[in-house]
Amino acid sequence: MKKTNPKKMEEFIRVDHAGERGAIKIYEGQLLALNTLVKDENLKKTINKMKKHEEVHCNFFENEIKKRSIKPTKLLPLWDLLGLGLGFGSTILGKKAAMLCTASVEEVIDDHYKNQIHQIEEDEKDIKNIIVKFRKDELHHKDIAYEEGATKQGFYSIMDKIIKAGSKVAIKLSEKI
């Protein structure tokens, strides 16, 4: 039986933990804006539902980190701040921007999880199956974001590129640091 590279597996869990926590922070930033400056009860409900999925995902990876004695990324405090800022900032720009934030991040995560799924061997099939399920949740969030008005037209195409570039940098750094 082919075995998954243990160092790779450690990187996967570290970065997935950071990513899921980052998603929670983005949603917390969006909810902060929705509870203070922007009033949209329907959007608040939508974001709360997606945040609950991310909490389940994050808790899973938090447990894996503890179980496997993996050090979380040292960049968590920075990602927390940037996630809150991104969520808050995108939401004060309006619903389309808030939903584009979700769509852009989820599109990067889709590729990220797909890449991991292809590298995880049978010796780690339980975690592979969970990542497959989490990827489906993330794709569902992306679909919701587009249903709720996310767009890449005009200014939003620049925002999409910036969010995706930032997400990819965060992934690369979190794997290693």
C-alpha atoms as a PDB file:
ATOM      1  CA  MET A   1       0.000   0.000   0.000  1.00  0.00           C
ATOM      2  CA  LYS A   2       1.295   3.443  -0.949  1.00  0.00           C
ATOM      3  CA  LYS A   3       1.829   5.732   2.004  1.00  0.00           C
ATOM      4  CA  THR A   4       1.230   9.459   2.199  1.00  0.00           C
ATOM      5  CA  ASN A   5       4.374  11.473   2.842  1.00  0.00           C
ATOM      6  CA  PRO A   6       4.162  12.272   6.601  1.00  0.00           C
ATOM      7  CA  LYS A   7       5.710  15.728   6.145  1.00  0.00           C
ATOM      8  CA  LYS A   8       3.135  16.505   3.433  1.00  0.00           C
ATOM      9  CA  MET A   9       0.328  15.288   5.676  1.00  0.00           C
ATOM     10  CA  GLU A  10       1.563  17.565   8.449  1.00  0.00           C
ATOM     11  CA  GLU A  11       1.605  20.514   6.027  1.00  0.00           C
ATOM     12  CA  PHE A  12      -1.902  19.658   4.805  1.00  0.00           C
ATOM     13  CA  ILE A  13      -3.332  19.604   8.308  1.00  0.00           C
ATOM     14  CA  ARG A  14      -1.491  22.770   9.365  1.00  0.00           C
ATOM     15  CA  VAL A  15      -2.634  24.769   6.353  1.00  0.00           C
ATOM     16  CA  ASP A  16      -6.194  23.397   6.394  1.00  0.00           C
ATOM     17  CA  HIS A  17      -6.523  24.329  10.055  1.00  0.00           C
ATOM     18  CA  ALA A  18      -5.286  27.849   9.283  1.00  0.00           C
ATOM     19  CA  GLY A  19      -7.601  28.125   6.285  1.00  0.00           C
ATOM     20  CA  GLU A  20     -10.708  27.007   8.095  1.00  0.00           C
ATOM     21  CA  ARG A  21      -9.916  29.328  10.977  1.00  0.00           C
ATOM     22  CA  GLY A  22      -9.322  32.107   8.449  1.00  0.00           C
ATOM     23  CA  ALA A  23     -12.747  31.467   6.931  1.00  0.00           C
ATOM     24  CA  ILE A  24     -14.327  31.799  10.368  1.00  0.00           C
ATOM     25  CA  LYS A  25     -12.508  35.109  10.883  1.00  0.00           C
ATOM     26  CA  ILE A  26     -13.679  36.413   7.496  1.00  0.00           C
ATOM     27  CA  TYR A  27     -17.271  35.558   8.423  1.00  0.00           C
ATOM     28  CA  GLU A  28     -16.798  37.121  11.874  1.00  0.00           C
ATOM     29  CA  GLY A  29     -15.597  40.313  10.170  1.00  0.00           C
ATOM     30  CA  GLN A  30     -18.608  40.246   7.865  1.00  0.00           C
ATOM     31  CA  LEU A  31     -20.944  39.723  10.814  1.00  0.00           C
ATOM     32  CA  LEU A  32     -19.283  42.589  12.694  1.00  0.00           C
ATOM     33  CA  ALA A  33     -20.041  44.899   9.759  1.00  0.00           C
ATOM     34  CA  LEU A  34     -23.581  43.519   9.519  1.00  0.00           C
ATOM     35  CA  ASN A  35     -24.162  44.074  13.244  1.00  0.00           C
ATOM     36  CA  THR A  36     -22.822  47.645  13.220  1.00  0.00           C
ATOM     37  CA  LEU A  37     -22.752  49.517   9.915  1.00  0.00           C
ATOM     38  CA  VAL A  38     -24.632  47.438   7.364  1.00  0.00           C
ATOM     39  CA  LYS A  39     -28.139  46.183   8.007  1.00  0.00           C
ATOM     40  CA  ASP A  40     -29.074  43.075   6.032  1.00  0.00           C
ATOM     41  CA  GLU A  41     -30.731  40.375   8.129  1.00  0.00           C
ATOM     42  CA  ASN A  42     -30.934  37.886   5.249  1.00  0.00           C
ATOM     43  CA  LEU A  43     -27.236  38.200   4.496  1.00  0.00           C
ATOM     44  CA  LYS A  44     -26.479  37.808   8.209  1.00  0.00           C
ATOM     45  CA  LYS A  45     -28.459  34.523   8.273  1.00  0.00           C
ATOM     46  CA  THR A  46     -26.649  33.246   5.165  1.00  0.00           C
ATOM     47  CA  ILE A  47     -23.229  34.082   6.589  1.00  0.00           C
ATOM     48  CA  ASN A  48     -24.069  32.527   9.960  1.00  0.00           C
ATOM     49  CA  LYS A  49     -24.993  29.237   8.247  1.00  0.00           C
ATOM     50  CA  MET A  50     -21.753  29.133   6.275  1.00  0.00           C
ATOM     51  CA  LYS A  51     -19.758  30.071   9.392  1.00  0.00           C
ATOM     52  CA  LYS A  52     -21.215  27.053  11.223  1.00  0.00           C
ATOM     53  CA  HIS A  53     -19.810  24.732   8.506  1.00  0.00           C
ATOM     54  CA  GLU A  54     -16.404  26.368   8.833  1.00  0.00           C
ATOM     55  CA  GLU A  55     -16.485  25.861  12.603  1.00  0.00           C
ATOM     56  CA  VAL A  56     -17.069  22.123  12.102  1.00  0.00           C
ATOM     57  CA  HIS A  57     -14.171  22.013   9.624  1.00  0.00           C
ATOM     58  CA  CYS A  58     -11.874  24.001  11.907  1.00  0.00           C
ATOM     59  CA  ASN A  59     -12.699  21.832  14.920  1.00  0.00           C
ATOM     60  CA  PHE A  60     -11.808  18.723  12.928  1.00  0.00           C
ATOM     61  CA  PHE A  61      -8.392  20.107  11.970  1.00  0.00           C
ATOM     62  CA  GLU A  62      -7.846  21.464  15.485  1.00  0.00           C
ATOM     63  CA  ASN A  63      -8.347  17.919  16.787  1.00  0.00           C
ATOM     64  CA  GLU A  64      -5.984  16.501  14.135  1.00  0.00           C
ATOM     65  CA  ILE A  65      -3.320  19.020  15.134  1.00  0.00           C
ATOM     66  CA  LYS A  66      -3.582  17.924  18.764  1.00  0.00           C
ATOM     67  CA  LYS A  67      -3.842  14.205  17.974  1.00  0.00           C
ATOM     68  CA  ARG A  68      -0.801  14.253  15.678  1.00  0.00           C
ATOM     69  CA  SER A  69       1.219  16.796  17.705  1.00  0.00           C
ATOM     70  CA  ILE A  70       1.480  19.190  14.752  1.00  0.00           C
ATOM     71  CA  LYS A  71       2.463  22.775  15.405  1.00  0.00           C
ATOM     72  CA  PRO A  72      -0.121  25.192  13.989  1.00  0.00           C
ATOM     73  CA  THR A  73       1.198  27.917  11.736  1.00  0.00           C
ATOM     74  CA  LYS A  74       2.920  30.719  13.617  1.00  0.00           C
ATOM     75  CA  LEU A  75       1.022  33.123  11.393  1.00  0.00           C
ATOM     76  CA  LEU A  76      -2.422  32.479  12.967  1.00  0.00           C
ATOM     77  CA  PRO A  77      -2.566  35.889  14.728  1.00  0.00           C
ATOM     78  CA  LEU A  78      -1.798  37.646  11.440  1.00  0.00           C
ATOM     79  CA  TRP A  79      -4.343  35.550   9.524  1.00  0.00           C
ATOM     80  CA  ASP A  80      -6.941  36.294  12.233  1.00  0.00           C
ATOM     81  CA  LEU A  81      -6.446  40.047  11.805  1.00  0.00           C
ATOM     82  CA  LEU A  82      -6.375  39.910   8.016  1.00  0.00           C
ATOM     83  CA  GLY A  83      -9.443  37.659   7.914  1.00  0.00           C
ATOM     84  CA  LEU A  84     -11.437  39.990  10.166  1.00  0.00           C
ATOM     85  CA  GLY A  85     -10.331  42.977   8.094  1.00  0.00           C
ATOM     86  CA  LEU A  86     -11.158  41.297   4.800  1.00  0.00           C
ATOM     87  CA  GLY A  87     -14.591  40.253   6.029  1.00  0.00           C
ATOM     88  CA  PHE A  88     -15.402  43.639   7.497  1.00  0.00           C
ATOM     89  CA  GLY A  89     -14.000  45.585   4.552  1.00  0.00           C
ATOM     90  CA  SER A  90     -15.728  43.510   1.900  1.00  0.00           C
ATOM     91  CA  THR A  91     -19.076  43.827   3.670  1.00  0.00           C
ATOM     92  CA  ILE A  92     -18.982  47.600   4.065  1.00  0.00           C
ATOM     93  CA  LEU A  93     -18.470  47.723   0.281  1.00  0.00           C
ATOM     94  CA  GLY A  94     -21.858  46.011  -0.096  1.00  0.00           C
ATOM     95  CA  LYS A  95     -23.487  42.645  -0.521  1.00  0.00           C
ATOM     96  CA  LYS A  96     -21.900  41.921  -3.924  1.00  0.00           C
ATOM     97  CA  ALA A  97     -18.425  42.519  -2.480  1.00  0.00           C
ATOM     98  CA  ALA A  98     -19.138  40.431   0.629  1.00  0.00           C
ATOM     99  CA  MET A  99     -20.375  37.532  -1.477  1.00  0.00           C
ATOM    100  CA  LEU A 100     -17.491  37.892  -3.939  1.00  0.00           C
ATOM    101  CA  CYS A 101     -15.124  37.572  -0.984  1.00  0.00           C
ATOM    102  CA  THR A 102     -16.693  34.187  -0.188  1.00  0.00           C
ATOM    103  CA  ALA A 103     -16.720  33.073  -3.838  1.00  0.00           C
ATOM    104  CA  SER A 104     -13.090  34.074  -4.444  1.00  0.00           C
ATOM    105  CA  VAL A 105     -11.781  32.343  -1.330  1.00  0.00           C
ATOM    106  CA  GLU A 106     -13.842  29.210  -2.009  1.00  0.00           C
ATOM    107  CA  GLU A 107     -12.548  28.968  -5.586  1.00  0.00           C
ATOM    108  CA  VAL A 108      -8.976  28.933  -4.273  1.00  0.00           C
ATOM    109  CA  ILE A 109      -9.911  26.401  -1.581  1.00  0.00           C
ATOM    110  CA  ASP A 110     -11.569  24.170  -4.179  1.00  0.00           C
ATOM    111  CA  ASP A 111      -8.266  23.884  -6.084  1.00  0.00           C
ATOM    112  CA  HIS A 112      -6.328  23.553  -2.843  1.00  0.00           C
ATOM    113  CA  TYR A 113      -8.461  20.689  -1.521  1.00  0.00           C
ATOM    114  CA  LYS A 114      -8.539  18.993  -4.930  1.00  0.00           C
ATOM    115  CA  ASN A 115      -4.738  19.046  -4.996  1.00  0.00           C
ATOM    116  CA  GLN A 116      -4.566  17.527  -1.508  1.00  0.00           C
ATOM    117  CA  ILE A 117      -7.102  14.824  -2.330  1.00  0.00           C
ATOM    118  CA  HIS A 118      -4.902  13.673  -5.236  1.00  0.00           C
ATOM    119  CA  GLN A 119      -1.837  13.434  -2.979  1.00  0.00           C
ATOM    120  CA  ILE A 120      -3.372  11.592  -0.031  1.00  0.00           C
ATOM    121  CA  GLU A 121      -2.943   7.811  -0.251  1.00  0.00           C
ATOM    122  CA  GLU A 122      -4.978   4.932   1.184  1.00  0.00           C
ATOM    123  CA  ASP A 123      -3.137   4.990   4.517  1.00  0.00           C
ATOM    124  CA  GLU A 124      -4.908   8.299   5.244  1.00  0.00           C
ATOM    125  CA  LYS A 125      -8.236   7.491   3.580  1.00  0.00           C
ATOM    126  CA  ASP A 126     -10.322   8.698   6.556  1.00  0.00           C
ATOM    127  CA  ILE A 127      -8.907  12.203   6.394  1.00  0.00           C
ATOM    128  CA  LYS A 128      -9.070  12.095   2.597  1.00  0.00           C
ATOM    129  CA  ASN A 129     -12.815  11.347   2.788  1.00  0.00           C
ATOM    130  CA  ILE A 130     -13.327  14.204   5.224  1.00  0.00           C
ATOM    131  CA  ILE A 131     -11.475  16.626   2.958  1.00  0.00           C
ATOM    132  CA  VAL A 132     -13.681  15.455   0.067  1.00  0.00           C
ATOM    133  CA  LYS A 133     -16.751  16.271   2.188  1.00  0.00           C
ATOM    134  CA  PHE A 134     -15.352  19.636   3.294  1.00  0.00           C
ATOM    135  CA  ARG A 135     -14.585  20.492  -0.352  1.00  0.00           C
ATOM    136  CA  LYS A 136     -18.245  19.866  -1.194  1.00  0.00           C
ATOM    137  CA  ASP A 137     -19.267  22.235   1.612  1.00  0.00           C
ATOM    138  CA  GLU A 138     -16.898  24.900   0.257  1.00  0.00           C
ATOM    139  CA  LEU A 139     -18.290  24.491  -3.263  1.00  0.00           C
ATOM    140  CA  HIS A 140     -21.782  24.884  -1.817  1.00  0.00           C
ATOM    141  CA  HIS A 141     -20.678  28.145  -0.156  1.00  0.00           C
ATOM    142  CA  LYS A 142     -19.324  29.360  -3.508  1.00  0.00           C
ATOM    143  CA  ASP A 143     -22.662  28.547  -5.164  1.00  0.00           C
ATOM    144  CA  ILE A 144     -24.546  30.414  -2.429  1.00  0.00           C
ATOM    145  CA  ALA A 145     -22.259  33.420  -2.902  1.00  0.00           C
ATOM    146  CA  TYR A 146     -23.069  33.606  -6.612  1.00  0.00           C
ATOM    147  CA  GLU A 147     -26.788  33.078  -5.938  1.00  0.00           C
ATOM    148  CA  GLU A 148     -26.605  35.987  -3.480  1.00  0.00           C
ATOM    149  CA  GLY A 149     -25.044  38.364  -6.003  1.00  0.00           C
ATOM    150  CA  ALA A 150     -21.287  37.791  -6.212  1.00  0.00           C
ATOM    151  CA  THR A 151     -19.942  39.095  -9.497  1.00  0.00           C
ATOM    152  CA  LYS A 152     -16.547  39.541 -11.149  1.00  0.00           C
ATOM    153  CA  GLN A 153     -17.582  42.421 -13.372  1.00  0.00           C
ATOM    154  CA  GLY A 154     -15.899  45.823 -13.261  1.00  0.00           C
ATOM    155  CA  PHE A 155     -14.165  46.697  -9.984  1.00  0.00           C
ATOM    156  CA  TYR A 156     -15.068  43.281  -8.619  1.00  0.00           C
ATOM    157  CA  SER A 157     -12.668  41.558 -11.044  1.00  0.00           C
ATOM    158  CA  ILE A 158      -9.781  43.399  -9.370  1.00  0.00           C
ATOM    159  CA  MET A 159     -11.086  42.508  -5.931  1.00  0.00           C
ATOM    160  CA  ASP A 160     -11.343  38.855  -6.997  1.00  0.00           C
ATOM    161  CA  LYS A 161      -7.708  38.800  -8.145  1.00  0.00           C
ATOM    162  CA  ILE A 162      -6.470  40.458  -4.936  1.00  0.00           C
ATOM    163  CA  ILE A 163      -8.408  38.072  -2.662  1.00  0.00           C
ATOM    164  CA  LYS A 164      -7.251  35.020  -4.632  1.00  0.00           C
ATOM    165  CA  ALA A 165      -3.617  36.150  -4.631  1.00  0.00           C
ATOM    166  CA  GLY A 166      -3.752  36.773  -0.879  1.00  0.00           C
ATOM    167  CA  SER A 167      -5.363  33.391  -0.259  1.00  0.00           C
ATOM    168  CA  LYS A 168      -2.696  31.589  -2.297  1.00  0.00           C
ATOM    169  CA  VAL A 169       0.113  33.381  -0.443  1.00  0.00           C
ATOM    170  CA  ALA A 170      -1.496  32.503   2.912  1.00  0.00           C
ATOM    171  CA  ILE A 171      -1.687  28.840   1.870  1.00  0.00           C
ATOM    172  CA  LYS A 172       1.980  28.673   0.816  1.00  0.00           C
ATOM    173  CA  LEU A 173       3.219  30.417   3.968  1.00  0.00           C
ATOM    174  CA  SER A 174       1.006  28.405   6.317  1.00  0.00           C
ATOM    175  CA  GLU A 175       2.261  25.110   4.908  1.00  0.00           C
ATOM    176  CA  LYS A 176       5.822  25.967   5.906  1.00  0.00           C
ATOM    177  CA  ILE A 177       5.724  28.390   8.845  1.00  0.00           C
END
